[in-house]
Amino acid sequence: MKDGNVIEIGSYNPFSFIDGKCYKTKYEPCEKLNSLGSKLIK
């Protein structure tokens, strides 16, 4: 983030992980997050 904070986000359908906390998600939003992450890595 611009202020120097770091947030770790991961996605493994149907779960999203944000700063170590696991959240069960719907398939489509989780898949979009996974796709965005893959684009950012490239």
PDB file of N, CA and C in Angstrom:
ATOM      1  N   MET A   1       0.839  -1.162   0.000  1.00  0.00           N
ATOM      2  CA  MET A   1       0.000   0.000   0.000  1.00  0.00           C
ATOM      3  C   MET A   1       0.897   1.243   0.000  1.00  0.00           C
ATOM      4  N   LYS A   2       0.323   2.368  -0.330  1.00  0.00           N
ATOM      5  CA  LYS A   2       1.099   3.603  -0.411  1.00  0.00           C
ATOM      6  C   LYS A   2       1.726   3.994   0.916  1.00  0.00           C
ATOM      7  N   ASP A   3       1.105   3.638   2.037  1.00  0.00           N
ATOM      8  CA  ASP A   3       1.645   4.018   3.348  1.00  0.00           C
ATOM      9  C   ASP A   3       2.669   3.021   3.886  1.00  0.00           C
ATOM     10  N   GLY A   4       3.014   2.003   3.074  1.00  0.00           N
ATOM     11  CA  GLY A   4       4.023   1.031   3.474  1.00  0.00           C
ATOM     12  C   GLY A   4       3.473  -0.235   4.100  1.00  0.00           C
ATOM     13  N   ASN A   5       2.197  -0.263   4.445  1.00  0.00           N
ATOM     14  CA  ASN A   5       1.594  -1.476   4.995  1.00  0.00           C
ATOM     15  C   ASN A   5       1.510  -2.551   3.929  1.00  0.00           C
ATOM     16  N   VAL A   6       1.616  -3.793   4.358  1.00  0.00           N
ATOM     17  CA  VAL A   6       1.536  -4.930   3.444  1.00  0.00           C
ATOM     18  C   VAL A   6       0.365  -5.800   3.862  1.00  0.00           C
ATOM     19  N   ILE A   7      -0.454  -6.160   2.899  1.00  0.00           N
ATOM     20  CA  ILE A   7      -1.580  -7.070   3.130  1.00  0.00           C
ATOM     21  C   ILE A   7      -1.329  -8.303   2.273  1.00  0.00           C
ATOM     22  N   GLU A   8      -1.379  -9.474   2.890  1.00  0.00           N
ATOM     23  CA  GLU A   8      -1.211 -10.722   2.140  1.00  0.00           C
ATOM     24  C   GLU A   8      -2.583 -11.261   1.786  1.00  0.00           C
ATOM     25  N   ILE A   9      -2.776 -11.512   0.493  1.00  0.00           N
ATOM     26  CA  ILE A   9      -4.053 -12.009   0.001  1.00  0.00           C
ATOM     27  C   ILE A   9      -3.782 -13.249  -0.838  1.00  0.00           C
ATOM     28  N   GLY A  10      -4.563 -14.288  -0.607  1.00  0.00           N
ATOM     29  CA  GLY A  10      -4.452 -15.505  -1.383  1.00  0.00           C
ATOM     30  C   GLY A  10      -5.831 -16.020  -1.732  1.00  0.00           C
ATOM     31  N   SER A  11      -5.871 -16.832  -2.750  1.00  0.00           N
ATOM     32  CA  SER A  11      -7.154 -17.352  -3.201  1.00  0.00           C
ATOM     33  C   SER A  11      -6.985 -18.807  -3.613  1.00  0.00           C
ATOM     34  N   TYR A  12      -7.811 -19.654  -3.057  1.00  0.00           N
ATOM     35  CA  TYR A  12      -7.856 -21.061  -3.428  1.00  0.00           C
ATOM     36  C   TYR A  12      -9.318 -21.451  -3.335  1.00  0.00           C
ATOM     37  N   ASN A  13      -9.985 -21.448  -4.490  1.00  0.00           N
ATOM     38  CA  ASN A  13     -11.438 -21.603  -4.547  1.00  0.00           C
ATOM     39  C   ASN A  13     -11.928 -22.784  -3.739  1.00  0.00           C
ATOM     40  N   PRO A  14     -12.905 -22.638  -2.914  1.00  0.00           N
ATOM     41  CA  PRO A  14     -13.774 -21.482  -2.669  1.00  0.00           C
ATOM     42  C   PRO A  14     -13.341 -20.662  -1.454  1.00  0.00           C
ATOM     43  N   PHE A  15     -12.040 -20.551  -1.194  1.00  0.00           N
ATOM     44  CA  PHE A  15     -11.579 -19.825  -0.020  1.00  0.00           C
ATOM     45  C   PHE A  15     -10.670 -18.674  -0.414  1.00  0.00           C
ATOM     46  N   SER A  16     -10.769 -17.575   0.318  1.00  0.00           N
ATOM     47  CA  SER A  16      -9.850 -16.451   0.186  1.00  0.00           C
ATOM     48  C   SER A  16      -9.165 -16.268   1.527  1.00  0.00           C
ATOM     49  N   PHE A  17      -7.897 -15.911   1.476  1.00  0.00           N
ATOM     50  CA  PHE A  17      -7.103 -15.703   2.674  1.00  0.00           C
ATOM     51  C   PHE A  17      -6.621 -14.258   2.693  1.00  0.00           C
ATOM     52  N   ILE A  18      -6.908 -13.559   3.766  1.00  0.00           N
ATOM     53  CA  ILE A  18      -6.477 -12.170   3.918  1.00  0.00           C
ATOM     54  C   ILE A  18      -5.762 -12.059   5.254  1.00  0.00           C
ATOM     55  N   ASP A  19      -4.477 -11.754   5.188  1.00  0.00           N
ATOM     56  CA  ASP A  19      -3.641 -11.652   6.387  1.00  0.00           C
ATOM     57  C   ASP A  19      -3.821 -12.844   7.320  1.00  0.00           C
ATOM     58  N   GLY A  20      -3.824 -14.041   6.751  1.00  0.00           N
ATOM     59  CA  GLY A  20      -3.882 -15.261   7.548  1.00  0.00           C
ATOM     60  C   GLY A  20      -5.265 -15.714   7.966  1.00  0.00           C
ATOM     61  N   LYS A  21      -6.290 -14.911   7.728  1.00  0.00           N
ATOM     62  CA  LYS A  21      -7.660 -15.319   8.051  1.00  0.00           C
ATOM     63  C   LYS A  21      -8.295 -15.926   6.808  1.00  0.00           C
ATOM     64  N   CYS A  22      -9.015 -17.000   6.996  1.00  0.00           N
ATOM     65  CA  CYS A  22      -9.646 -17.716   5.897  1.00  0.00           C
ATOM     66  C   CYS A  22     -11.128 -17.360   5.822  1.00  0.00           C
ATOM     67  N   TYR A  23     -11.588 -17.085   4.610  1.00  0.00           N
ATOM     68  CA  TYR A  23     -12.995 -16.772   4.364  1.00  0.00           C
ATOM     69  C   TYR A  23     -13.522 -17.665   3.259  1.00  0.00           C
ATOM     70  N   LYS A  24     -14.678 -18.275   3.490  1.00  0.00           N
ATOM     71  CA  LYS A  24     -15.315 -19.066   2.445  1.00  0.00           C
ATOM     72  C   LYS A  24     -16.057 -18.092   1.536  1.00  0.00           C
ATOM     73  N   THR A  25     -15.855 -18.238   0.223  1.00  0.00           N
ATOM     74  CA  THR A  25     -16.421 -17.295  -0.733  1.00  0.00           C
ATOM     75  C   THR A  25     -17.273 -18.009  -1.768  1.00  0.00           C
ATOM     76  N   LYS A  26     -17.988 -17.214  -2.541  1.00  0.00           N
ATOM     77  CA  LYS A  26     -18.678 -17.750  -3.705  1.00  0.00           C
ATOM     78  C   LYS A  26     -17.637 -17.974  -4.795  1.00  0.00           C
ATOM     79  N   TYR A  27     -17.924 -18.856  -5.715  1.00  0.00           N
ATOM     80  CA  TYR A  27     -16.948 -19.257  -6.725  1.00  0.00           C
ATOM     81  C   TYR A  27     -16.498 -18.095  -7.611  1.00  0.00           C
ATOM     82  N   GLU A  28     -17.431 -17.347  -8.188  1.00  0.00           N
ATOM     83  CA  GLU A  28     -17.101 -16.330  -9.185  1.00  0.00           C
ATOM     84  C   GLU A  28     -16.207 -15.218  -8.631  1.00  0.00           C
ATOM     85  N   PRO A  29     -16.542 -14.614  -7.485  1.00  0.00           N
ATOM     86  CA  PRO A  29     -15.654 -13.563  -6.976  1.00  0.00           C
ATOM     87  C   PRO A  29     -14.254 -14.086  -6.636  1.00  0.00           C
ATOM     88  N   CYS A  30     -14.179 -15.286  -6.113  1.00  0.00           N
ATOM     89  CA  CYS A  30     -12.890 -15.867  -5.769  1.00  0.00           C
ATOM     90  C   CYS A  30     -12.072 -16.122  -7.038  1.00  0.00           C
ATOM     91  N   GLU A  31     -12.710 -16.577  -8.070  1.00  0.00           N
ATOM     92  CA  GLU A  31     -12.028 -16.824  -9.339  1.00  0.00           C
ATOM     93  C   GLU A  31     -11.508 -15.520  -9.941  1.00  0.00           C
ATOM     94  N   LYS A  32     -12.278 -14.444  -9.813  1.00  0.00           N
ATOM     95  CA  LYS A  32     -11.830 -13.136 -10.313  1.00  0.00           C
ATOM     96  C   LYS A  32     -10.605 -12.653  -9.540  1.00  0.00           C
ATOM     97  N   LEU A  33     -10.590 -12.842  -8.235  1.00  0.00           N
ATOM     98  CA  LEU A  33      -9.449 -12.454  -7.423  1.00  0.00           C
ATOM     99  C   LEU A  33      -8.220 -13.274  -7.803  1.00  0.00           C
ATOM    100  N   ASN A  34      -8.413 -14.550  -8.033  1.00  0.00           N
ATOM    101  CA  ASN A  34      -7.321 -15.417  -8.457  1.00  0.00           C
ATOM    102  C   ASN A  34      -6.762 -14.964  -9.802  1.00  0.00           C
ATOM    103  N   SER A  35      -7.648 -14.613 -10.727  1.00  0.00           N
ATOM    104  CA  SER A  35      -7.232 -14.145 -12.054  1.00  0.00           C
ATOM    105  C   SER A  35      -6.448 -12.843 -11.955  1.00  0.00           C
ATOM    106  N   LEU A  36      -6.914 -11.907 -11.125  1.00  0.00           N
ATOM    107  CA  LEU A  36      -6.208 -10.645 -10.924  1.00  0.00           C
ATOM    108  C   LEU A  36      -4.821 -10.886 -10.355  1.00  0.00           C
ATOM    109  N   GLY A  37      -4.713 -11.743  -9.386  1.00  0.00           N
ATOM    110  CA  GLY A  37      -3.418 -12.065  -8.803  1.00  0.00           C
ATOM    111  C   GLY A  37      -2.456 -12.652  -9.818  1.00  0.00           C
ATOM    112  N   SER A  38      -2.963 -13.516 -10.667  1.00  0.00           N
ATOM    113  CA  SER A  38      -2.117 -14.110 -11.698  1.00  0.00           C
ATOM    114  C   SER A  38      -1.610 -13.054 -12.681  1.00  0.00           C
ATOM    115  N   LYS A  39      -2.469 -12.092 -13.017  1.00  0.00           N
ATOM    116  CA  LYS A  39      -2.054 -11.005 -13.921  1.00  0.00           C
ATOM    117  C   LYS A  39      -1.001 -10.131 -13.276  1.00  0.00           C
ATOM    118  N   LEU A  40      -1.139  -9.847 -11.976  1.00  0.00           N
ATOM    119  CA  LEU A  40      -0.175  -8.997 -11.284  1.00  0.00           C
ATOM    120  C   LEU A  40       1.197  -9.659 -11.169  1.00  0.00           C
ATOM    121  N   ILE A  41       1.215 -10.983 -11.016  1.00  0.00           N
ATOM    122  CA  ILE A  41       2.475 -11.713 -10.903  1.00  0.00           C
ATOM    123  C   ILE A  41       3.254 -11.647 -12.210  1.00  0.00           C
ATOM    124  N   LYS A  42       2.532 -11.694 -13.329  1.00  0.00           N
ATOM    125  CA  LYS A  42       3.201 -11.651 -14.646  1.00  0.00           C
ATOM    126  C   LYS A  42       3.730 -10.275 -14.847  1.00  0.00           C
TER     127      LYS A  42
END
